[in-house]
Structure formats: structure tokens, C-alpha cells
Amino acid sequence: MNQETLDKLNILNEKTSGKYKALLYDCDGTLADNMLAHKLSYKEAAAKYGINLDTDIIDELAGWPTRLVADEISRRYNVMLPDTFSKEKTAVFFEKYIDTTEPIAYVTEHLKANAGNVHIGVVSGGTRTTVQRTLSVLGLTDYIEVLVCAGETPNGKPFPDPFLAAAKKLGVAPKDCIVFEDGDPGVAAAEAAGMDWVRIDKI
């Protein structure tokens, strides 16, 4: 682990040590260094429909379920993407990128260090299949008690539903949870749930 990673890990430890009963992590862009891979997957899938996608939209909508991102792409580019688009994008991601996913080391090490001392959950806008595979590649599966993914709550991020569902499953009050995120929708969801949060990309 290099010095920058150690410094960031120490910052995370200072923010959380002894203060919370549950740590809730986003997956893509928070535990997994895979946002470029997701952007390239969206771009390739959209190109089939004549869309030259500006991938900044993926950063803007970080944490949204793929289906809703597709709806927003359709709206902005005035091209009606089919219901199969989410599966097409996921297929590209699985085929080309998922097995080489690298961790964001200071976040994954923070998770591992705290497992067994506090409750650990992952709350993602990705599908359960994709998130489970990603966590497996990162070697994190055995550390995670609760997983909440796209379509498993009435509303996704930026609504509080996914984080509240995770807290309920863990038997922990929202005020005793802290959320780790890399995007505005996730932070908005954490705040709406009454939880503290850390933007890991701003450390």
C-alpha cells in the first residue's frame, strides 16, 4: 500500500472510529475503481443506436439504476433506447471489463478492517448480478452482511429508500450509519435517510 493510500485510509479511520454501528458502501466508484469501464460500456452500447455518448452524464447520474440512466440518455439525445438497453450495456461490461476490476484500496481496506467490529452493507444502483460479481472479483463477498441493489426498493438513489432498507436489514438506526459514496445522488440519498456520509473521491 503506497503512502497516499495509507494517508487516505487514516482519514477514513479518523472519520469513523468508534462512532457508528454500520458502515454502508456504494460499489461502483467507491469500492471498485470501475467508473471508466462503466462509461465505456455505456458508450459502446449507445453507439449501436447512433448515439455518440458524452460520458460525463455517467458521472452526473452516479448511483442511478442503469434503466433510469438509459431513460435520461433517451431524453437528452432524443433517441428512444429499447427496454433491452440495460442488458446490452451490462453484457458489454461483463464481457470486457468486470473480471479485471481493481479496488479503490483505501476504501476496501477500510471495509475489511472494520468487518466484525461493526455491521457492513453495500448499497448500489447496479444490478445484484453485477454487484455480486464485482464484489467477488474484489474479494469482499465474505465481509458483507447486507446487499441492496437496483430495483429492490420502491425508489433508488437519490431517494433514501436503499439506505433505509440496508439499515433496517442490519437492525441499526439510520443515525448510527455512515455512508461512503462517490456521487451526488448517493450523498442526497444518505442525507435524506438521516445518515452521515463521506465523499471518498474528495478525500
C-alpha atoms as a PDB file:
ATOM      1  CA  MET A   1       0.000   0.000   0.000  1.00  0.00           C
ATOM      2  CA  ASN A   2       1.518   3.335  -1.036  1.00  0.00           C
ATOM      3  CA  GLN A   3       1.715   6.415   1.164  1.00  0.00           C
ATOM      4  CA  GLU A   4      -1.235   8.190  -0.493  1.00  0.00           C
ATOM      5  CA  THR A   5      -3.434   5.139   0.083  1.00  0.00           C
ATOM      6  CA  LEU A   6      -2.309   4.931   3.724  1.00  0.00           C
ATOM      7  CA  ASP A   7      -2.989   8.627   4.275  1.00  0.00           C
ATOM      8  CA  LYS A   8      -6.500   8.335   2.847  1.00  0.00           C
ATOM      9  CA  LEU A   9      -7.173   5.175   4.871  1.00  0.00           C
ATOM     10  CA  ASN A  10      -6.128   7.032   8.024  1.00  0.00           C
ATOM     11  CA  ILE A  11      -8.553   9.848   7.182  1.00  0.00           C
ATOM     12  CA  LEU A  12     -11.402   7.345   6.787  1.00  0.00           C
ATOM     13  CA  ASN A  13     -10.477   5.702  10.082  1.00  0.00           C
ATOM     14  CA  GLU A  14     -10.468   9.063  11.863  1.00  0.00           C
ATOM     15  CA  LYS A  15     -13.917   9.883  10.485  1.00  0.00           C
ATOM     16  CA  THR A  16     -15.461   6.592  11.605  1.00  0.00           C
ATOM     17  CA  SER A  17     -13.564   5.199  14.590  1.00  0.00           C
ATOM     18  CA  GLY A  18     -15.975   4.209  17.359  1.00  0.00           C
ATOM     19  CA  LYS A  19     -18.746   6.456  16.073  1.00  0.00           C
ATOM     20  CA  TYR A  20     -21.047   4.169  14.103  1.00  0.00           C
ATOM     21  CA  LYS A  21     -22.757   0.792  14.269  1.00  0.00           C
ATOM     22  CA  ALA A  22     -22.968   0.274  10.498  1.00  0.00           C
ATOM     23  CA  LEU A  23     -20.869   1.253   7.503  1.00  0.00           C
ATOM     24  CA  LEU A  24     -22.720   1.392   4.163  1.00  0.00           C
ATOM     25  CA  TYR A  25     -20.627   1.479   0.989  1.00  0.00           C
ATOM     26  CA  ASP A  26     -21.587   2.238  -2.579  1.00  0.00           C
ATOM     27  CA  CYS A  27     -19.937  -0.189  -5.009  1.00  0.00           C
ATOM     28  CA  ASP A  28     -19.026   1.337  -8.380  1.00  0.00           C
ATOM     29  CA  GLY A  29     -16.569   4.190  -7.993  1.00  0.00           C
ATOM     30  CA  THR A  30     -16.389   3.702  -4.221  1.00  0.00           C
ATOM     31  CA  LEU A  31     -15.174   0.153  -3.590  1.00  0.00           C
ATOM     32  CA  ALA A  32     -14.482  -0.632  -7.249  1.00  0.00           C
ATOM     33  CA  ASP A  33     -12.275   1.501  -9.476  1.00  0.00           C
ATOM     34  CA  ASN A  34     -14.511   0.817 -12.456  1.00  0.00           C
ATOM     35  CA  MET A  35     -16.257   4.016 -13.479  1.00  0.00           C
ATOM     36  CA  LEU A  36     -14.225   4.293 -16.698  1.00  0.00           C
ATOM     37  CA  ALA A  37     -15.239   0.727 -17.558  1.00  0.00           C
ATOM     38  CA  HIS A  38     -18.905   1.583 -16.980  1.00  0.00           C
ATOM     39  CA  LYS A  39     -18.581   4.715 -19.122  1.00  0.00           C
ATOM     40  CA  LEU A  40     -17.017   2.768 -21.975  1.00  0.00           C
ATOM     41  CA  SER A  41     -19.746   0.132 -21.698  1.00  0.00           C
ATOM     42  CA  TYR A  42     -22.478   2.768 -21.905  1.00  0.00           C
ATOM     43  CA  LYS A  43     -20.722   4.447 -24.844  1.00  0.00           C
ATOM     44  CA  GLU A  44     -20.396   1.194 -26.808  1.00  0.00           C
ATOM     45  CA  ALA A  45     -23.995   0.148 -26.140  1.00  0.00           C
ATOM     46  CA  ALA A  46     -25.337   3.606 -27.066  1.00  0.00           C
ATOM     47  CA  ALA A  47     -23.307   3.687 -30.290  1.00  0.00           C
ATOM     48  CA  LYS A  48     -25.459   0.833 -31.635  1.00  0.00           C
ATOM     49  CA  TYR A  49     -28.320   3.329 -31.666  1.00  0.00           C
ATOM     50  CA  GLY A  50     -26.391   6.141 -33.354  1.00  0.00           C
ATOM     51  CA  ILE A  51     -25.612   7.974 -30.108  1.00  0.00           C
ATOM     52  CA  ASN A  52     -22.130   9.453 -29.612  1.00  0.00           C
ATOM     53  CA  LEU A  53     -22.472   9.499 -25.833  1.00  0.00           C
ATOM     54  CA  ASP A  54     -20.788  12.184 -23.759  1.00  0.00           C
ATOM     55  CA  THR A  55     -19.823  10.011 -20.790  1.00  0.00           C
ATOM     56  CA  ASP A  56     -19.882  12.946 -18.362  1.00  0.00           C
ATOM     57  CA  ILE A  57     -23.556  12.026 -17.954  1.00  0.00           C
ATOM     58  CA  ILE A  58     -22.453   8.843 -16.143  1.00  0.00           C
ATOM     59  CA  ASP A  59     -20.608  10.895 -13.517  1.00  0.00           C
ATOM     60  CA  GLU A  60     -23.575  13.221 -13.206  1.00  0.00           C
ATOM     61  CA  LEU A  61     -26.006  10.350 -12.598  1.00  0.00           C
ATOM     62  CA  ALA A  62     -23.645   8.194 -10.488  1.00  0.00           C
ATOM     63  CA  GLY A  63     -25.690   5.771  -8.425  1.00  0.00           C
ATOM     64  CA  TRP A  64     -28.763   5.781 -10.679  1.00  0.00           C
ATOM     65  CA  PRO A  65     -30.003   2.385 -11.875  1.00  0.00           C
ATOM     66  CA  THR A  66     -28.974   1.627 -15.458  1.00  0.00           C
ATOM     67  CA  ARG A  67     -32.610   1.646 -16.588  1.00  0.00           C
ATOM     68  CA  LEU A  68     -33.066   5.248 -15.406  1.00  0.00           C
ATOM     69  CA  VAL A  69     -29.742   6.322 -16.919  1.00  0.00           C
ATOM     70  CA  ALA A  70     -30.974   4.867 -20.217  1.00  0.00           C
ATOM     71  CA  ASP A  71     -34.191   6.865 -19.913  1.00  0.00           C
ATOM     72  CA  GLU A  72     -32.180  10.053 -19.363  1.00  0.00           C
ATOM     73  CA  ILE A  73     -29.918   9.299 -22.332  1.00  0.00           C
ATOM     74  CA  SER A  74     -33.043   8.772 -24.456  1.00  0.00           C
ATOM     75  CA  ARG A  75     -34.413  12.130 -23.310  1.00  0.00           C
ATOM     76  CA  ARG A  76     -31.241  14.112 -23.907  1.00  0.00           C
ATOM     77  CA  TYR A  77     -30.366  12.600 -27.282  1.00  0.00           C
ATOM     78  CA  ASN A  78     -33.953  12.307 -28.497  1.00  0.00           C
ATOM     79  CA  VAL A  79     -33.415   8.639 -29.354  1.00  0.00           C
ATOM     80  CA  MET A  80     -35.725   6.078 -27.789  1.00  0.00           C
ATOM     81  CA  LEU A  81     -33.500   3.341 -26.394  1.00  0.00           C
ATOM     82  CA  PRO A  82     -35.218  -0.045 -26.122  1.00  0.00           C
ATOM     83  CA  ASP A  83     -36.030  -1.825 -22.859  1.00  0.00           C
ATOM     84  CA  THR A  84     -33.149  -4.187 -23.648  1.00  0.00           C
ATOM     85  CA  PHE A  85     -30.543  -1.415 -23.403  1.00  0.00           C
ATOM     86  CA  SER A  86     -29.697  -2.103 -19.751  1.00  0.00           C
ATOM     87  CA  LYS A  87     -28.975  -5.741 -20.548  1.00  0.00           C
ATOM     88  CA  GLU A  88     -26.921  -4.755 -23.596  1.00  0.00           C
ATOM     89  CA  LYS A  89     -24.793  -2.349 -21.555  1.00  0.00           C
ATOM     90  CA  THR A  90     -24.348  -4.945 -18.799  1.00  0.00           C
ATOM     91  CA  ALA A  91     -23.319  -7.566 -21.360  1.00  0.00           C
ATOM     92  CA  VAL A  92     -20.530  -5.302 -22.634  1.00  0.00           C
ATOM     93  CA  PHE A  93     -19.374  -4.642 -19.067  1.00  0.00           C
ATOM     94  CA  PHE A  94     -19.351  -8.339 -18.167  1.00  0.00           C
ATOM     95  CA  GLU A  95     -17.616  -9.426 -21.368  1.00  0.00           C
ATOM     96  CA  LYS A  96     -14.867  -6.807 -21.481  1.00  0.00           C
ATOM     97  CA  TYR A  97     -14.275  -5.331 -18.055  1.00  0.00           C
ATOM     98  CA  ILE A  98     -15.676  -6.943 -14.914  1.00  0.00           C
ATOM     99  CA  ASP A  99     -13.024  -9.620 -14.383  1.00  0.00           C
ATOM    100  CA  THR A 100     -10.229  -7.035 -14.330  1.00  0.00           C
ATOM    101  CA  THR A 101     -11.910  -4.733 -11.793  1.00  0.00           C
ATOM    102  CA  GLU A 102      -9.409  -3.149  -9.411  1.00  0.00           C
ATOM    103  CA  PRO A 103     -10.234  -1.974  -5.874  1.00  0.00           C
ATOM    104  CA  ILE A 104     -10.111   1.556  -4.558  1.00  0.00           C
ATOM    105  CA  ALA A 105      -7.673   0.325  -1.967  1.00  0.00           C
ATOM    106  CA  TYR A 106      -8.156   2.807   0.860  1.00  0.00           C
ATOM    107  CA  VAL A 107     -11.910   2.126   0.844  1.00  0.00           C
ATOM    108  CA  THR A 108     -11.712  -1.662   0.518  1.00  0.00           C
ATOM    109  CA  GLU A 109      -9.065  -1.818   3.262  1.00  0.00           C
ATOM    110  CA  HIS A 110     -11.284   0.326   5.486  1.00  0.00           C
ATOM    111  CA  LEU A 111     -14.161  -2.094   4.933  1.00  0.00           C
ATOM    112  CA  LYS A 112     -12.017  -5.138   5.742  1.00  0.00           C
ATOM    113  CA  ALA A 113     -10.531  -3.536   8.849  1.00  0.00           C
ATOM    114  CA  ASN A 114     -13.962  -2.764  10.270  1.00  0.00           C
ATOM    115  CA  ALA A 115     -15.714  -6.026   9.392  1.00  0.00           C
ATOM    116  CA  GLY A 116     -16.503  -7.944  12.557  1.00  0.00           C
ATOM    117  CA  ASN A 117     -16.493  -4.795  14.675  1.00  0.00           C
ATOM    118  CA  VAL A 118     -19.458  -3.038  13.043  1.00  0.00           C
ATOM    119  CA  HIS A 119     -22.121  -4.048  10.532  1.00  0.00           C
ATOM    120  CA  ILE A 120     -21.156  -3.831   6.840  1.00  0.00           C
ATOM    121  CA  GLY A 121     -23.560  -3.215   3.953  1.00  0.00           C
ATOM    122  CA  VAL A 122     -23.240  -2.409   0.262  1.00  0.00           C
ATOM    123  CA  VAL A 123     -25.901  -0.214  -1.334  1.00  0.00           C
ATOM    124  CA  SER A 124     -25.631   0.095  -5.105  1.00  0.00           C
ATOM    125  CA  GLY A 125     -27.533   1.330  -8.119  1.00  0.00           C
ATOM    126  CA  GLY A 126     -26.179  -1.660 -10.049  1.00  0.00           C
ATOM    127  CA  THR A 127     -27.993  -4.925 -10.599  1.00  0.00           C
ATOM    128  CA  ARG A 128     -27.484  -7.643  -7.993  1.00  0.00           C
ATOM    129  CA  THR A 129     -25.772  -9.904 -10.534  1.00  0.00           C
ATOM    130  CA  THR A 130     -23.237  -7.233 -11.488  1.00  0.00           C
ATOM    131  CA  VAL A 131     -22.589  -6.079  -7.929  1.00  0.00           C
ATOM    132  CA  GLN A 132     -22.156  -9.613  -6.605  1.00  0.00           C
ATOM    133  CA  ARG A 133     -19.678 -10.401  -9.386  1.00  0.00           C
ATOM    134  CA  THR A 134     -17.761  -7.172  -8.742  1.00  0.00           C
ATOM    135  CA  LEU A 135     -17.532  -7.849  -5.004  1.00  0.00           C
ATOM    136  CA  SER A 136     -16.374 -11.389  -5.746  1.00  0.00           C
ATOM    137  CA  VAL A 137     -13.602 -10.162  -8.055  1.00  0.00           C
ATOM    138  CA  LEU A 138     -12.519  -7.718  -5.315  1.00  0.00           C
ATOM    139  CA  GLY A 139     -12.522 -10.487  -2.694  1.00  0.00           C
ATOM    140  CA  LEU A 140     -15.081  -8.714  -0.498  1.00  0.00           C
ATOM    141  CA  THR A 141     -18.059 -11.072  -0.574  1.00  0.00           C
ATOM    142  CA  ASP A 142     -17.438 -12.675   2.818  1.00  0.00           C
ATOM    143  CA  TYR A 143     -17.231  -9.306   4.588  1.00  0.00           C
ATOM    144  CA  ILE A 144     -20.666  -8.050   3.550  1.00  0.00           C
ATOM    145  CA  GLU A 145     -23.765  -8.742   5.623  1.00  0.00           C
ATOM    146  CA  VAL A 146     -26.366  -6.923   3.541  1.00  0.00           C
ATOM    147  CA  LEU A 147     -26.597  -6.033  -0.135  1.00  0.00           C
ATOM    148  CA  VAL A 148     -29.244  -3.659  -1.550  1.00  0.00           C
ATOM    149  CA  CYS A 149     -29.252  -3.243  -5.340  1.00  0.00           C
ATOM    150  CA  ALA A 150     -31.197  -1.653  -8.190  1.00  0.00           C
ATOM    151  CA  GLY A 151     -34.916  -2.375  -8.246  1.00  0.00           C
ATOM    152  CA  GLU A 152     -35.035  -3.818  -4.733  1.00  0.00           C
ATOM    153  CA  THR A 153     -36.636  -0.756  -3.124  1.00  0.00           C
ATOM    154  CA  PRO A 154     -39.553   1.410  -4.298  1.00  0.00           C
ATOM    155  CA  ASN A 155     -37.120   4.189  -5.243  1.00  0.00           C
ATOM    156  CA  GLY A 156     -33.382   4.229  -5.846  1.00  0.00           C
ATOM    157  CA  LYS A 157     -30.823   6.931  -5.135  1.00  0.00           C
ATOM    158  CA  PRO A 158     -31.195   9.938  -4.726  1.00  0.00           C
ATOM    159  CA  PHE A 159     -34.160   8.772  -2.622  1.00  0.00           C
ATOM    160  CA  PRO A 160     -33.355   7.375   0.830  1.00  0.00           C
ATOM    161  CA  ASP A 161     -35.062   4.009   0.297  1.00  0.00           C
ATOM    162  CA  PRO A 162     -31.956   1.862  -0.429  1.00  0.00           C
ATOM    163  CA  PHE A 163     -30.012   3.105   2.595  1.00  0.00           C
ATOM    164  CA  LEU A 164     -33.024   2.829   4.885  1.00  0.00           C
ATOM    165  CA  ALA A 165     -33.604  -0.729   3.664  1.00  0.00           C
ATOM    166  CA  ALA A 166     -29.995  -1.651   4.442  1.00  0.00           C
ATOM    167  CA  ALA A 167     -30.202  -0.131   7.922  1.00  0.00           C
ATOM    168  CA  LYS A 168     -33.445  -1.984   8.622  1.00  0.00           C
ATOM    169  CA  LYS A 169     -31.974  -5.314   7.499  1.00  0.00           C
ATOM    170  CA  LEU A 170     -28.969  -4.726   9.753  1.00  0.00           C
ATOM    171  CA  GLY A 171     -31.150  -3.686  12.682  1.00  0.00           C
ATOM    172  CA  VAL A 172     -29.354  -0.352  13.017  1.00  0.00           C
ATOM    173  CA  ALA A 173     -30.909   3.115  13.363  1.00  0.00           C
ATOM    174  CA  PRO A 174     -30.141   5.485  10.439  1.00  0.00           C
ATOM    175  CA  LYS A 175     -28.359   7.918  12.769  1.00  0.00           C
ATOM    176  CA  ASP A 176     -25.893   5.144  13.639  1.00  0.00           C
ATOM    177  CA  CYS A 177     -24.928   4.575   9.990  1.00  0.00           C
ATOM    178  CA  ILE A 178     -22.346   6.304   7.824  1.00  0.00           C
ATOM    179  CA  VAL A 179     -22.384   6.131   4.031  1.00  0.00           C
ATOM    180  CA  PHE A 180     -19.389   6.052   1.672  1.00  0.00           C
ATOM    181  CA  GLU A 181     -20.152   7.471  -1.763  1.00  0.00           C
ATOM    182  CA  ASP A 182     -18.577   8.991  -4.875  1.00  0.00           C
ATOM    183  CA  GLY A 183     -21.562  10.798  -6.398  1.00  0.00           C
ATOM    184  CA  ASP A 184     -24.140  13.480  -5.676  1.00  0.00           C
ATOM    185  CA  PRO A 185     -27.206  11.177  -5.945  1.00  0.00           C
ATOM    186  CA  GLY A 186     -25.756   8.878  -3.281  1.00  0.00           C
ATOM    187  CA  VAL A 187     -24.976  11.758  -0.941  1.00  0.00           C
ATOM    188  CA  ALA A 188     -28.504  13.124  -1.423  1.00  0.00           C
ATOM    189  CA  ALA A 189     -29.895   9.671  -0.581  1.00  0.00           C
ATOM    190  CA  ALA A 190     -27.751   9.431   2.556  1.00  0.00           C
ATOM    191  CA  GLU A 191     -28.834  12.868   3.748  1.00  0.00           C
ATOM    192  CA  ALA A 192     -32.487  12.069   3.076  1.00  0.00           C
ATOM    193  CA  ALA A 193     -32.049   8.884   5.139  1.00  0.00           C
ATOM    194  CA  GLY A 194     -30.655  10.883   8.065  1.00  0.00           C
ATOM    195  CA  MET A 195     -27.191   9.335   7.771  1.00  0.00           C
ATOM    196  CA  ASP A 196     -23.726  10.845   7.880  1.00  0.00           C
ATOM    197  CA  TRP A 197     -21.652  10.430   4.738  1.00  0.00           C
ATOM    198  CA  VAL A 198     -18.165  10.657   3.227  1.00  0.00           C
ATOM    199  CA  ARG A 199     -17.371  11.508  -0.396  1.00  0.00           C
ATOM    200  CA  ILE A 200     -14.428   9.180  -0.915  1.00  0.00           C
ATOM    201  CA  ASP A 201     -13.377  10.979  -4.108  1.00  0.00           C
ATOM    202  CA  LYS A 202     -12.994  14.264  -2.207  1.00  0.00           C
ATOM    203  CA  ILE A 203     -10.526  12.937   0.382  1.00  0.00           C
END
